[in-house]
Amino acid sequence: MHSIEPTNTSAADGNKPVRVVFVIGRNRPDGYLDAVGITGIDLTVVESISCLYPLMIREAFHGILLDVPTLVRSSSEEKAFLHDLLQIYPTVRLKWDPRCGAVRTHYYGHHREESPGLEAFVRNQCVPFLPRTIRLSERMPLHLNVMVSPDSAFREGETIRTATMNVSSGGCFIIGAGPWRRGDRLWLRIAGLADATPIGIDVRWCKEWGEKPGMPGIGVTFSAITEEQVAELGRLCIGRRGNGAS
């Protein structure tokens, strides 16, 4: 099961430009971006593969362009994330040829001399593709220190300090034997997140202490969470997966 899956698929609209994201580092040869910005492309530029997740959970794209030197310098975590994106989006690698001032395309699964050009990639692969966003669906084993409270004030005596056992962008499993029941609306604060806004959670199921072998706790979904928090949790999960979680 892939950790990345498409969502919010939208119908094709011939009147709208093809939305493509281009991953390229800051050191860009003169003329490179101009050569990539062919007619009909709405081009969004990001500096690394890790920038794709917070962007693509919010905005729908038809395809991905990868600068080869930027790809080579990417981390193992980024490459693991990219592997999942390749299963969903039309993707092509690009390299600037300074000898002739042109962009060379390298298709996945093609020999270099067989790769069609960039315009052919956009026309044949991106245009027929329905633009879509992504979400992280697989829960990854990730232990984060958290506080759980019946309200967003996190009052002493009502707040339980515990940890997560696994996390996804949509929810988590919280370890503990608190006074929680299925259907409860609770509030969560995750230590270490840059955005400390309380997260609203809904209890979907409970595992009582002593009920069966294993860790007691609750499975919850996030009902009120900021885009920044979703993006940061996604990066943490991607990093965990890249380090060999299964």
Protein backbone atom coordinates (compact mmCIF):
# COMPACT_ATOMS: atom_id res chain seq x y z
CA MET A 1 0.00 0.00 0.00
CA HIS A 2 1.43 3.35 -1.00
CA SER A 3 1.59 6.09 1.60
CA ILE A 4 0.48 8.66 -0.96
CA GLU A 5 -2.83 8.49 -2.77
CA PRO A 6 -4.73 10.89 -5.03
CA THR A 7 -7.85 12.71 -3.94
CA ASN A 8 -10.12 15.53 -5.09
CA THR A 9 -9.87 14.52 -8.73
CA SER A 10 -11.39 17.24 -10.90
CA ALA A 11 -12.81 17.10 -14.38
CA ALA A 12 -10.62 18.18 -17.27
CA ASP A 13 -11.25 21.66 -18.66
CA GLY A 14 -9.79 22.46 -22.05
CA ASN A 15 -10.02 26.19 -21.32
CA LYS A 16 -7.70 26.02 -18.33
CA PRO A 17 -3.88 25.87 -18.61
CA VAL A 18 -2.02 22.71 -17.74
CA ARG A 19 -0.72 23.03 -14.17
CA VAL A 20 2.77 21.60 -13.75
CA VAL A 21 5.18 21.84 -10.81
CA PHE A 22 8.91 22.12 -11.51
CA VAL A 23 11.42 20.99 -8.85
CA ILE A 24 14.69 22.87 -9.30
CA GLY A 25 17.24 24.22 -6.82
CA ARG A 26 18.23 27.85 -6.44
CA ASN A 27 21.29 27.64 -8.69
CA ARG A 28 19.51 27.78 -12.04
CA PRO A 29 21.32 28.35 -15.33
CA ASP A 30 20.24 31.44 -17.25
CA GLY A 31 17.48 30.65 -19.70
CA TYR A 32 16.46 27.35 -18.04
CA LEU A 33 13.11 28.52 -16.65
CA ASP A 34 12.28 30.43 -19.82
CA ALA A 35 12.87 27.30 -21.89
CA VAL A 36 10.63 25.22 -19.60
CA GLY A 37 7.79 27.76 -19.58
CA ILE A 38 6.26 26.68 -22.88
CA THR A 39 2.90 28.01 -24.04
CA GLY A 40 -0.08 26.52 -22.22
CA ILE A 41 1.75 25.60 -19.00
CA ASP A 42 0.90 27.18 -15.66
CA LEU A 43 4.30 26.57 -14.06
CA THR A 44 4.87 26.48 -10.29
CA VAL A 45 8.51 26.32 -9.17
CA VAL A 46 9.70 24.75 -5.89
CA GLU A 47 13.28 24.31 -4.68
CA SER A 48 13.16 20.73 -3.38
CA ILE A 49 11.12 17.53 -3.39
CA SER A 50 10.21 18.12 0.27
CA CYS A 51 8.35 21.28 -0.84
CA LEU A 52 5.96 19.20 -2.96
CA TYR A 53 3.88 17.74 -0.13
CA PRO A 54 2.59 20.97 1.49
CA LEU A 55 1.91 22.35 -2.00
CA MET A 56 0.20 19.32 -3.52
CA ILE A 57 -2.16 18.64 -0.62
CA ARG A 58 -3.70 22.07 -1.37
CA GLU A 59 -3.40 22.46 -5.14
CA ALA A 60 -4.16 20.10 -8.03
CA PHE A 61 -1.54 19.46 -10.72
CA HIS A 62 -1.34 17.67 -14.07
CA GLY A 63 2.31 16.64 -13.79
CA ILE A 64 5.79 17.04 -12.30
CA LEU A 65 9.08 18.19 -13.83
CA LEU A 66 12.31 17.20 -12.05
CA ASP A 67 15.64 18.92 -12.55
CA VAL A 68 18.22 16.11 -12.65
CA PRO A 69 20.95 17.81 -10.54
CA THR A 70 18.33 18.70 -7.90
CA LEU A 71 17.10 15.10 -7.92
CA VAL A 72 20.63 13.76 -7.46
CA ARG A 73 21.16 16.00 -4.41
CA SER A 74 17.86 15.02 -2.76
CA SER A 75 17.78 13.00 0.46
CA SER A 76 16.75 9.36 0.80
CA GLU A 77 13.51 10.50 2.49
CA GLU A 78 12.70 12.77 -0.45
CA LYS A 79 13.41 10.00 -2.95
CA ALA A 80 11.12 7.62 -1.04
CA PHE A 81 8.34 10.22 -1.20
CA LEU A 82 9.01 10.81 -4.89
CA HIS A 83 8.70 7.08 -5.59
CA ASP A 84 5.06 7.22 -4.48
CA LEU A 85 4.35 10.33 -6.54
CA LEU A 86 5.68 8.58 -9.64
CA GLN A 87 2.86 6.03 -9.30
CA ILE A 88 0.29 8.82 -9.62
CA TYR A 89 1.51 11.80 -11.65
CA PRO A 90 3.03 12.10 -15.12
CA THR A 91 6.67 12.89 -14.33
CA VAL A 92 9.72 13.65 -16.44
CA ARG A 93 13.34 14.51 -15.61
CA LEU A 94 14.90 17.59 -17.18
CA LYS A 95 18.49 18.67 -17.67
CA TRP A 96 19.82 21.92 -19.07
CA ASP A 97 22.28 21.53 -21.95
CA PRO A 98 24.51 24.63 -21.90
CA ARG A 99 26.11 23.73 -25.23
CA CYS A 100 22.97 24.46 -27.20
CA GLY A 101 20.92 26.31 -24.57
CA ALA A 102 18.14 23.72 -24.58
CA VAL A 103 16.27 21.45 -22.17
CA ARG A 104 16.85 17.70 -22.46
CA THR A 105 14.07 15.36 -21.31
CA HIS A 106 14.67 11.94 -19.72
CA TYR A 107 11.52 9.85 -19.40
CA TYR A 108 11.23 7.14 -16.78
CA GLY A 109 11.39 3.80 -18.57
CA HIS A 110 12.87 5.25 -21.78
CA HIS A 111 16.39 5.19 -23.11
CA ARG A 112 17.82 8.68 -23.33
CA GLU A 113 17.86 8.79 -27.12
CA GLU A 114 14.20 7.68 -27.25
CA SER A 115 12.80 10.35 -24.93
CA PRO A 116 10.36 12.73 -26.65
CA GLY A 117 10.64 16.44 -25.91
CA LEU A 118 8.98 18.50 -23.19
CA GLU A 119 6.11 19.68 -25.38
CA ALA A 120 5.30 16.06 -26.27
CA PHE A 121 5.30 15.16 -22.56
CA VAL A 122 2.83 17.94 -21.77
CA ARG A 123 0.63 17.17 -24.78
CA ASN A 124 0.58 13.37 -24.49
CA GLN A 125 0.73 12.81 -20.73
CA CYS A 126 -0.25 15.95 -18.81
CA VAL A 127 -3.17 17.20 -20.91
CA PRO A 128 -5.17 13.91 -20.69
CA PHE A 129 -4.40 13.55 -16.97
CA LEU A 130 -7.07 14.79 -14.54
CA PRO A 131 -5.39 17.24 -12.13
CA ARG A 132 -5.49 16.10 -8.52
CA THR A 133 -4.22 16.74 -5.03
CA ILE A 134 -2.69 14.14 -2.72
CA ARG A 135 -3.08 13.00 0.85
CA LEU A 136 -1.02 10.81 3.11
CA SER A 137 -3.28 7.84 3.91
CA GLU A 138 -1.04 5.26 5.54
CA ARG A 139 -0.45 5.58 9.28
CA MET A 140 3.24 5.46 10.07
CA PRO A 141 4.73 4.33 13.40
CA LEU A 142 5.60 7.68 14.94
CA HIS A 143 5.91 8.44 18.65
CA LEU A 144 5.07 12.07 19.39
CA ASN A 145 4.52 13.55 22.84
CA VAL A 146 0.97 14.88 23.08
CA MET A 147 -1.52 16.38 25.50
CA VAL A 148 -5.21 15.38 25.33
CA SER A 149 -7.97 17.49 26.86
CA PRO A 150 -11.79 17.67 26.76
CA ASP A 151 -11.48 21.36 25.79
CA SER A 152 -8.98 23.61 24.04
CA ALA A 153 -7.90 25.32 27.28
CA PHE A 154 -5.91 22.25 28.44
CA ARG A 155 -6.67 22.84 32.11
CA GLU A 156 -4.60 21.10 34.78
CA GLY A 157 -6.41 18.10 36.19
CA GLU A 158 -8.27 17.52 32.91
CA THR A 159 -5.28 17.19 30.59
CA ILE A 160 -3.59 13.83 30.01
CA ARG A 161 0.03 13.72 28.84
CA THR A 162 0.81 10.73 26.67
CA ALA A 163 2.16 9.83 23.21
CA THR A 164 1.06 8.64 19.79
CA MET A 165 1.78 5.17 18.46
CA ASN A 166 1.15 5.97 14.79
CA VAL A 167 0.24 9.05 12.75
CA SER A 168 -1.07 10.03 9.34
CA SER A 169 -2.19 13.37 7.93
CA GLY A 170 -5.77 12.42 8.80
CA GLY A 171 -5.50 10.99 12.30
CA CYS A 172 -3.49 9.01 14.84
CA PHE A 173 -3.57 6.39 17.57
CA ILE A 174 -3.09 7.84 21.06
CA ILE A 175 -1.74 5.57 23.79
CA GLY A 176 -3.54 5.65 27.12
CA ALA A 177 -6.41 4.50 29.31
CA GLY A 178 -8.16 7.83 29.76
CA PRO A 179 -11.89 8.43 30.27
CA TRP A 180 -12.50 8.46 26.52
CA ARG A 181 -15.42 7.01 24.59
CA ARG A 182 -16.21 6.52 20.94
CA GLY A 183 -17.79 9.68 19.53
CA ASP A 184 -16.07 12.04 21.99
CA ARG A 185 -14.76 15.37 20.66
CA LEU A 186 -11.38 16.08 22.28
CA TRP A 187 -8.47 18.46 21.80
CA LEU A 188 -4.88 17.54 21.06
CA ARG A 189 -1.63 19.44 21.36
CA ILE A 190 1.45 17.88 19.75
CA ALA A 191 4.77 18.85 21.33
CA GLY A 192 7.36 20.11 18.87
CA LEU A 193 5.07 21.24 16.05
CA ALA A 194 5.89 24.72 14.81
CA ASP A 195 2.17 25.55 14.82
CA ALA A 196 0.94 24.99 18.40
CA THR A 197 -2.74 25.58 17.59
CA PRO A 198 -4.94 23.03 19.47
CA ILE A 199 -6.10 20.27 17.12
CA GLY A 200 -9.69 19.06 17.28
CA ILE A 201 -10.00 15.26 17.26
CA ASP A 202 -12.93 12.83 17.09
CA VAL A 203 -12.64 9.44 18.78
CA ARG A 204 -13.48 6.72 16.23
CA TRP A 205 -12.68 3.66 18.33
CA CYS A 206 -11.30 2.70 21.74
CA LYS A 207 -9.12 -0.14 22.93
CA GLU A 208 -9.59 -0.58 26.67
CA TRP A 209 -6.80 -1.60 29.05
CA GLY A 210 -6.88 -5.39 29.53
CA GLU A 211 -9.37 -5.87 26.71
CA LYS A 212 -6.88 -7.86 24.64
CA PRO A 213 -3.10 -8.06 24.25
CA GLY A 214 -1.61 -4.85 22.95
CA MET A 215 -1.48 -1.15 23.69
CA PRO A 216 -4.60 0.54 25.12
CA GLY A 217 -5.68 3.80 23.54
CA ILE A 218 -7.92 5.54 21.03
CA GLY A 219 -7.97 5.88 17.26
CA VAL A 220 -8.87 9.45 16.30
CA THR A 221 -9.35 11.57 13.21
CA PHE A 222 -8.37 15.22 12.98
CA SER A 223 -11.50 17.37 12.73
CA ALA A 224 -9.90 20.81 13.18
CA ILE A 225 -6.30 21.18 12.03
CA THR A 226 -4.37 23.89 10.19
CA GLU A 227 -2.78 23.38 6.77
CA GLU A 228 0.63 24.05 8.33
CA GLN A 229 0.11 21.25 10.85
CA VAL A 230 -1.04 18.82 8.14
CA ALA A 231 2.05 19.65 6.09
CA GLU A 232 4.42 19.22 9.05
CA LEU A 233 2.87 15.90 10.06
CA GLY A 234 3.14 14.79 6.45
CA ARG A 235 6.85 15.60 6.40
CA LEU A 236 7.37 13.70 9.66
CA CYS A 237 5.58 10.66 8.24
CA ILE A 238 7.50 10.86 4.98
CA GLY A 239 10.77 11.02 6.92
CA ARG A 240 9.73 8.02 9.01
CA ARG A 241 8.91 6.04 5.88
CA GLY A 242 12.20 7.01 4.25
CA ASN A 243 14.04 5.68 7.31
CA GLY A 244 12.66 2.20 6.69
CA ALA A 245 9.26 2.05 8.39
CA SER A 246 6.83 -0.43 6.92
